[in-house]
């Protein structure tokens, strides 16, 4: 990535949430980025990239991802 580090990428759907009977919403798809130092980033995958994310899509997602863990 642009910071010079290698990152692993994992896609994961949002966990199911309890809702009222008869109401259902689509779960968002997230992409998680992890590096060897324990840094973690998370971004929502855009609807148009859910079926086929390119390297450019992943780079854009990484740049705008939320930083979740600073590592040690």
PDB file of N, CA and C in Angstrom:
ATOM      1  N   UNK A   1       0.839  -1.176   0.000  1.00  0.00           N
ATOM      2  CA  UNK A   1       0.000   0.000   0.000  1.00  0.00           C
ATOM      3  C   UNK A   1       0.889   1.246   0.000  1.00  0.00           C
ATOM      4  N   UNK A   2       0.255   2.379  -0.001  1.00  0.00           N
ATOM      5  CA  UNK A   2       1.009   3.626  -0.132  1.00  0.00           C
ATOM      6  C   UNK A   2       1.922   3.917   1.056  1.00  0.00           C
ATOM      7  N   UNK A   3       1.737   3.217   2.183  1.00  0.00           N
ATOM      8  CA  UNK A   3       2.624   3.421   3.331  1.00  0.00           C
ATOM      9  C   UNK A   3       3.852   2.514   3.267  1.00  0.00           C
ATOM     10  N   UNK A   4       3.954   1.696   2.209  1.00  0.00           N
ATOM     11  CA  UNK A   4       5.106   0.816   2.041  1.00  0.00           C
ATOM     12  C   UNK A   4       5.004  -0.505   2.779  1.00  0.00           C
ATOM     13  N   UNK A   5       3.911  -0.746   3.478  1.00  0.00           N
ATOM     14  CA  UNK A   5       3.718  -1.980   4.243  1.00  0.00           C
ATOM     15  C   UNK A   5       2.914  -2.993   3.428  1.00  0.00           C
ATOM     16  N   UNK A   6       3.074  -4.268   3.775  1.00  0.00           N
ATOM     17  CA  UNK A   6       2.238  -5.329   3.231  1.00  0.00           C
ATOM     18  C   UNK A   6       1.039  -5.488   4.144  1.00  0.00           C
ATOM     19  N   UNK A   7      -0.143  -5.577   3.577  1.00  0.00           N
ATOM     20  CA  UNK A   7      -1.371  -5.734   4.343  1.00  0.00           C
ATOM     21  C   UNK A   7      -2.118  -6.963   3.841  1.00  0.00           C
ATOM     22  N   UNK A   8      -2.729  -7.719   4.765  1.00  0.00           N
ATOM     23  CA  UNK A   8      -3.627  -8.794   4.359  1.00  0.00           C
ATOM     24  C   UNK A   8      -5.035  -8.218   4.298  1.00  0.00           C
ATOM     25  N   UNK A   9      -5.853  -8.796   3.437  1.00  0.00           N
ATOM     26  CA  UNK A   9      -7.201  -8.288   3.218  1.00  0.00           C
ATOM     27  C   UNK A   9      -8.198  -9.397   3.509  1.00  0.00           C
ATOM     28  N   UNK A  10      -9.238  -9.051   4.264  1.00  0.00           N
ATOM     29  CA  UNK A  10     -10.298 -10.007   4.585  1.00  0.00           C
ATOM     30  C   UNK A  10     -11.643  -9.317   4.402  1.00  0.00           C
ATOM     31  N   UNK A  11     -12.553  -9.983   3.709  1.00  0.00           N
ATOM     32  CA  UNK A  11     -13.903  -9.468   3.540  1.00  0.00           C
ATOM     33  C   UNK A  11     -14.806 -10.160   4.551  1.00  0.00           C
ATOM     34  N   UNK A  12     -15.707  -9.383   5.165  1.00  0.00           N
ATOM     35  CA  UNK A  12     -16.607  -9.972   6.162  1.00  0.00           C
ATOM     36  C   UNK A  12     -17.913  -9.178   6.174  1.00  0.00           C
ATOM     37  N   UNK A  13     -19.029  -9.913   6.145  1.00  0.00           N
ATOM     38  CA  UNK A  13     -20.324  -9.257   6.238  1.00  0.00           C
ATOM     39  C   UNK A  13     -20.588  -8.813   7.669  1.00  0.00           C
ATOM     40  N   UNK A  14     -21.344  -7.763   7.776  1.00  0.00           N
ATOM     41  CA  UNK A  14     -21.778  -7.259   9.075  1.00  0.00           C
ATOM     42  C   UNK A  14     -22.513  -8.361   9.813  1.00  0.00           C
ATOM     43  N   UNK A  15     -22.315  -8.441  11.090  1.00  0.00           N
ATOM     44  CA  UNK A  15     -22.989  -9.472  11.880  1.00  0.00           C
ATOM     45  C   UNK A  15     -24.492  -9.212  11.906  1.00  0.00           C
ATOM     46  N   UNK A  16     -25.244 -10.295  11.991  1.00  0.00           N
ATOM     47  CA  UNK A  16     -26.704 -10.187  12.026  1.00  0.00           C
ATOM     48  C   UNK A  16     -27.134  -9.419  13.271  1.00  0.00           C
ATOM     49  N   UNK A  17     -28.184  -8.658  13.113  1.00  0.00           N
ATOM     50  CA  UNK A  17     -28.730  -7.896  14.225  1.00  0.00           C
ATOM     51  C   UNK A  17     -30.179  -8.306  14.431  1.00  0.00           C
ATOM     52  N   UNK A  18     -30.605  -8.271  15.676  1.00  0.00           N
ATOM     53  CA  UNK A  18     -31.997  -8.583  15.963  1.00  0.00           C
ATOM     54  C   UNK A  18     -32.864  -7.426  15.461  1.00  0.00           C
ATOM     55  N   UNK A  19     -33.910  -7.759  14.757  1.00  0.00           N
ATOM     56  CA  UNK A  19     -34.846  -6.755  14.256  1.00  0.00           C
ATOM     57  C   UNK A  19     -36.257  -7.224  14.551  1.00  0.00           C
ATOM     58  N   UNK A  20     -37.185  -6.315  14.376  1.00  0.00           N
ATOM     59  CA  UNK A  20     -38.583  -6.689  14.586  1.00  0.00           C
ATOM     60  C   UNK A  20     -39.026  -7.652  13.496  1.00  0.00           C
ATOM     61  N   UNK A  21     -39.975  -8.460  13.840  1.00  0.00           N
ATOM     62  CA  UNK A  21     -40.498  -9.443  12.891  1.00  0.00           C
ATOM     63  C   UNK A  21     -40.959  -8.739  11.605  1.00  0.00           C
ATOM     64  N   UNK A  22     -40.565  -9.298  10.484  1.00  0.00           N
ATOM     65  CA  UNK A  22     -40.987  -8.761   9.204  1.00  0.00           C
ATOM     66  C   UNK A  22     -40.102  -7.654   8.658  1.00  0.00           C
ATOM     67  N   UNK A  23     -39.174  -7.159   9.451  1.00  0.00           N
ATOM     68  CA  UNK A  23     -38.265  -6.129   8.947  1.00  0.00           C
ATOM     69  C   UNK A  23     -36.883  -6.728   8.798  1.00  0.00           C
ATOM     70  N   UNK A  24     -36.307  -6.519   7.675  1.00  0.00           N
ATOM     71  CA  UNK A  24     -34.989  -7.068   7.412  1.00  0.00           C
ATOM     72  C   UNK A  24     -34.216  -6.068   6.582  1.00  0.00           C
ATOM     73  N   UNK A  25     -32.948  -5.911   6.873  1.00  0.00           N
ATOM     74  CA  UNK A  25     -32.128  -5.015   6.062  1.00  0.00           C
ATOM     75  C   UNK A  25     -30.888  -5.768   5.612  1.00  0.00           C
ATOM     76  N   UNK A  26     -30.365  -5.346   4.490  1.00  0.00           N
ATOM     77  CA  UNK A  26     -29.179  -6.004   3.958  1.00  0.00           C
ATOM     78  C   UNK A  26     -27.967  -5.682   4.827  1.00  0.00           C
ATOM     79  N   UNK A  27     -27.176  -6.705   5.088  1.00  0.00           N
ATOM     80  CA  UNK A  27     -25.967  -6.501   5.890  1.00  0.00           C
ATOM     81  C   UNK A  27     -24.863  -5.924   5.012  1.00  0.00           C
ATOM     82  N   UNK A  28     -24.148  -4.946   5.549  1.00  0.00           N
ATOM     83  CA  UNK A  28     -23.047  -4.334   4.800  1.00  0.00           C
ATOM     84  C   UNK A  28     -21.870  -5.300   4.727  1.00  0.00           C
ATOM     85  N   UNK A  29     -21.079  -5.144   3.674  1.00  0.00           N
ATOM     86  CA  UNK A  29     -19.851  -5.912   3.510  1.00  0.00           C
ATOM     87  C   UNK A  29     -18.681  -5.002   3.853  1.00  0.00           C
ATOM     88  N   UNK A  30     -17.809  -5.476   4.742  1.00  0.00           N
ATOM     89  CA  UNK A  30     -16.629  -4.721   5.147  1.00  0.00           C
ATOM     90  C   UNK A  30     -15.380  -5.376   4.586  1.00  0.00           C
ATOM     91  N   UNK A  31     -14.351  -4.578   4.377  1.00  0.00           N
ATOM     92  CA  UNK A  31     -13.027  -5.100   4.068  1.00  0.00           C
ATOM     93  C   UNK A  31     -12.129  -4.683   5.239  1.00  0.00           C
ATOM     94  N   UNK A  32     -11.413  -5.668   5.788  1.00  0.00           N
ATOM     95  CA  UNK A  32     -10.481  -5.429   6.888  1.00  0.00           C
ATOM     96  C   UNK A  32      -9.061  -5.555   6.358  1.00  0.00           C
ATOM     97  N   UNK A  33      -8.213  -4.621   6.728  1.00  0.00           N
ATOM     98  CA  UNK A  33      -6.802  -4.631   6.353  1.00  0.00           C
ATOM     99  C   UNK A  33      -5.988  -4.811   7.628  1.00  0.00           C
ATOM    100  N   UNK A  34      -5.047  -5.763   7.625  1.00  0.00           N
ATOM    101  CA  UNK A  34      -4.170  -6.002   8.788  1.00  0.00           C
ATOM    102  C   UNK A  34      -2.729  -6.040   8.322  1.00  0.00           C
ATOM    103  N   UNK A  35      -1.835  -5.444   9.142  1.00  0.00           N
ATOM    104  CA  UNK A  35      -0.413  -5.549   8.820  1.00  0.00           C
ATOM    105  C   UNK A  35       0.292  -6.371   9.883  1.00  0.00           C
ATOM    106  N   UNK A  36       1.587  -6.613   9.703  1.00  0.00           N
ATOM    107  CA  UNK A  36       2.358  -7.447  10.624  1.00  0.00           C
ATOM    108  C   UNK A  36       2.570  -6.815  11.993  1.00  0.00           C
ATOM    109  N   UNK A  37       2.354  -5.507  12.102  1.00  0.00           N
ATOM    110  CA  UNK A  37       2.581  -4.814  13.376  1.00  0.00           C
ATOM    111  C   UNK A  37       1.317  -4.679  14.214  1.00  0.00           C
ATOM    112  N   UNK A  38       0.226  -5.260  13.747  1.00  0.00           N
ATOM    113  CA  UNK A  38      -1.017  -5.215  14.515  1.00  0.00           C
ATOM    114  C   UNK A  38      -1.948  -4.081  14.147  1.00  0.00           C
ATOM    115  N   UNK A  39      -1.620  -3.311  13.122  1.00  0.00           N
ATOM    116  CA  UNK A  39      -2.516  -2.250  12.687  1.00  0.00           C
ATOM    117  C   UNK A  39      -3.721  -2.864  11.984  1.00  0.00           C
ATOM    118  N   UNK A  40      -4.879  -2.274  12.197  1.00  0.00           N
ATOM    119  CA  UNK A  40      -6.116  -2.764  11.607  1.00  0.00           C
ATOM    120  C   UNK A  40      -6.897  -1.587  11.051  1.00  0.00           C
ATOM    121  N   UNK A  41      -7.382  -1.738   9.836  1.00  0.00           N
ATOM    122  CA  UNK A  41      -8.230  -0.734   9.202  1.00  0.00           C
ATOM    123  C   UNK A  41      -9.485  -1.441   8.695  1.00  0.00           C
ATOM    124  N   UNK A  42     -10.600  -0.681   8.673  1.00  0.00           N
ATOM    125  CA  UNK A  42     -11.866  -1.248   8.206  1.00  0.00           C
ATOM    126  C   UNK A  42     -12.564  -0.235   7.316  1.00  0.00           C
ATOM    127  N   UNK A  43     -13.117  -0.715   6.196  1.00  0.00           N
ATOM    128  CA  UNK A  43     -13.878   0.138   5.294  1.00  0.00           C
ATOM    129  C   UNK A  43     -15.097  -0.628   4.790  1.00  0.00           C
ATOM    130  N   UNK A  44     -16.163   0.110   4.511  1.00  0.00           N
ATOM    131  CA  UNK A  44     -17.348  -0.487   3.909  1.00  0.00           C
ATOM    132  C   UNK A  44     -17.078  -0.661   2.418  1.00  0.00           C
ATOM    133  N   UNK A  45     -17.432  -1.814   1.884  1.00  0.00           N
ATOM    134  CA  UNK A  45     -17.254  -2.083   0.457  1.00  0.00           C
ATOM    135  C   UNK A  45     -18.428  -1.452  -0.283  1.00  0.00           C
ATOM    136  N   UNK A  46     -18.152  -0.599  -1.273  1.00  0.00           N
ATOM    137  CA  UNK A  46     -19.249   0.017  -2.034  1.00  0.00           C
ATOM    138  C   UNK A  46     -20.066  -1.042  -2.782  1.00  0.00           C
ATOM    139  N   UNK A  47     -21.337  -0.746  -2.982  1.00  0.00           N
ATOM    140  CA  UNK A  47     -22.237  -1.687  -3.653  1.00  0.00           C
ATOM    141  C   UNK A  47     -21.685  -2.160  -4.991  1.00  0.00           C
ATOM    142  N   UNK A  48     -21.111  -1.245  -5.770  1.00  0.00           N
ATOM    143  CA  UNK A  48     -20.652  -1.609  -7.108  1.00  0.00           C
ATOM    144  C   UNK A  48     -19.358  -2.414  -7.106  1.00  0.00           C
ATOM    145  N   UNK A  49     -18.717  -2.566  -5.962  1.00  0.00           N
ATOM    146  CA  UNK A  49     -17.464  -3.326  -5.889  1.00  0.00           C
ATOM    147  C   UNK A  49     -17.636  -4.650  -5.144  1.00  0.00           C
ATOM    148  N   UNK A  50     -18.852  -4.982  -4.759  1.00  0.00           N
ATOM    149  CA  UNK A  50     -19.063  -6.195  -3.969  1.00  0.00           C
ATOM    150  C   UNK A  50     -18.754  -7.475  -4.724  1.00  0.00           C
ATOM    151  N   UNK A  51     -19.010  -7.510  -6.004  1.00  0.00           N
ATOM    152  CA  UNK A  51     -18.827  -8.760  -6.730  1.00  0.00           C
ATOM    153  C   UNK A  51     -17.432  -8.919  -7.302  1.00  0.00           C
ATOM    154  N   UNK A  52     -16.750  -7.814  -7.591  1.00  0.00           N
ATOM    155  CA  UNK A  52     -15.426  -7.914  -8.181  1.00  0.00           C
ATOM    156  C   UNK A  52     -14.606  -6.680  -7.794  1.00  0.00           C
ATOM    157  N   UNK A  53     -13.879  -6.771  -6.697  1.00  0.00           N
ATOM    158  CA  UNK A  53     -13.050  -5.655  -6.244  1.00  0.00           C
ATOM    159  C   UNK A  53     -11.683  -5.748  -6.910  1.00  0.00           C
ATOM    160  N   UNK A  54     -11.271  -4.664  -7.564  1.00  0.00           N
ATOM    161  CA  UNK A  54      -9.967  -4.621  -8.215  1.00  0.00           C
ATOM    162  C   UNK A  54      -8.910  -4.133  -7.230  1.00  0.00           C
ATOM    163  N   UNK A  55      -7.649  -4.208  -7.614  1.00  0.00           N
ATOM    164  CA  UNK A  55      -6.572  -3.673  -6.775  1.00  0.00           C
ATOM    165  C   UNK A  55      -6.784  -2.187  -6.516  1.00  0.00           C
ATOM    166  N   UNK A  56      -7.221  -1.447  -7.528  1.00  0.00           N
ATOM    167  CA  UNK A  56      -7.482  -0.014  -7.346  1.00  0.00           C
ATOM    168  C   UNK A  56      -8.603   0.220  -6.341  1.00  0.00           C
ATOM    169  N   UNK A  57      -9.661  -0.610  -6.391  1.00  0.00           N
ATOM    170  CA  UNK A  57     -10.752  -0.501  -5.421  1.00  0.00           C
ATOM    171  C   UNK A  57     -10.229  -0.714  -4.003  1.00  0.00           C
ATOM    172  N   UNK A  58      -9.360  -1.718  -3.834  1.00  0.00           N
ATOM    173  CA  UNK A  58      -8.808  -2.004  -2.511  1.00  0.00           C
ATOM    174  C   UNK A  58      -7.912  -0.868  -2.023  1.00  0.00           C
ATOM    175  N   UNK A  59      -7.121  -0.287  -2.906  1.00  0.00           N
ATOM    176  CA  UNK A  59      -6.261   0.838  -2.514  1.00  0.00           C
ATOM    177  C   UNK A  59      -7.096   2.033  -2.082  1.00  0.00           C
ATOM    178  N   UNK A  60      -8.169   2.337  -2.805  1.00  0.00           N
ATOM    179  CA  UNK A  60      -9.050   3.448  -2.416  1.00  0.00           C
ATOM    180  C   UNK A  60      -9.716   3.159  -1.075  1.00  0.00           C
ATOM    181  N   UNK A  61     -10.157   1.919  -0.882  1.00  0.00           N
ATOM    182  CA  UNK A  61     -10.786   1.546   0.391  1.00  0.00           C
ATOM    183  C   UNK A  61      -9.792   1.672   1.537  1.00  0.00           C
ATOM    184  N   UNK A  62      -8.541   1.245   1.319  1.00  0.00           N
ATOM    185  CA  UNK A  62      -7.521   1.325   2.365  1.00  0.00           C
ATOM    186  C   UNK A  62      -7.258   2.776   2.755  1.00  0.00           C
ATOM    187  N   UNK A  63      -7.193   3.664   1.762  1.00  0.00           N
ATOM    188  CA  UNK A  63      -6.907   5.076   2.028  1.00  0.00           C
ATOM    189  C   UNK A  63      -8.000   5.750   2.849  1.00  0.00           C
ATOM    190  N   UNK A  64      -9.240   5.303   2.695  1.00  0.00           N
ATOM    191  CA  UNK A  64     -10.351   5.928   3.414  1.00  0.00           C
ATOM    192  C   UNK A  64     -10.817   5.121   4.618  1.00  0.00           C
ATOM    193  N   UNK A  65     -10.153   4.011   4.908  1.00  0.00           N
ATOM    194  CA  UNK A  65     -10.577   3.107   5.984  1.00  0.00           C
ATOM    195  C   UNK A  65     -10.402   3.735   7.353  1.00  0.00           C
ATOM    196  N   UNK A  66     -11.256   3.303   8.267  1.00  0.00           N
ATOM    197  CA  UNK A  66     -11.150   3.692   9.681  1.00  0.00           C
ATOM    198  C   UNK A  66      -9.982   2.938  10.304  1.00  0.00           C
ATOM    199  N   UNK A  67      -9.142   3.633  11.035  1.00  0.00           N
ATOM    200  CA  UNK A  67      -8.053   2.973  11.769  1.00  0.00           C
ATOM    201  C   UNK A  67      -8.628   2.491  13.097  1.00  0.00           C
ATOM    202  N   UNK A  68      -8.580   1.183  13.306  1.00  0.00           N
ATOM    203  CA  UNK A  68      -9.213   0.598  14.487  1.00  0.00           C
ATOM    204  C   UNK A  68      -8.231   0.264  15.585  1.00  0.00           C
ATOM    205  N   UNK A  69      -6.987  -0.054  15.254  1.00  0.00           N
ATOM    206  CA  UNK A  69      -6.035  -0.498  16.263  1.00  0.00           C
ATOM    207  C   UNK A  69      -4.648  -0.014  15.865  1.00  0.00           C
ATOM    208  N   UNK A  70      -3.973   0.657  16.767  1.00  0.00           N
ATOM    209  CA  UNK A  70      -2.662   1.234  16.458  1.00  0.00           C
ATOM    210  C   UNK A  70      -1.532   0.229  16.582  1.00  0.00           C
ATOM    211  N   UNK A  71      -1.752  -0.883  17.223  1.00  0.00           N
ATOM    212  CA  UNK A  71      -0.698  -1.882  17.384  1.00  0.00           C
ATOM    213  C   UNK A  71       0.308  -1.491  18.442  1.00  0.00           C
ATOM    214  N   UNK A  72       1.311  -2.351  18.610  1.00  0.00           N
ATOM    215  CA  UNK A  72       2.300  -2.107  19.664  1.00  0.00           C
ATOM    216  C   UNK A  72       3.540  -1.454  19.122  1.00  0.00           C
TER     217      UNK A  72
END
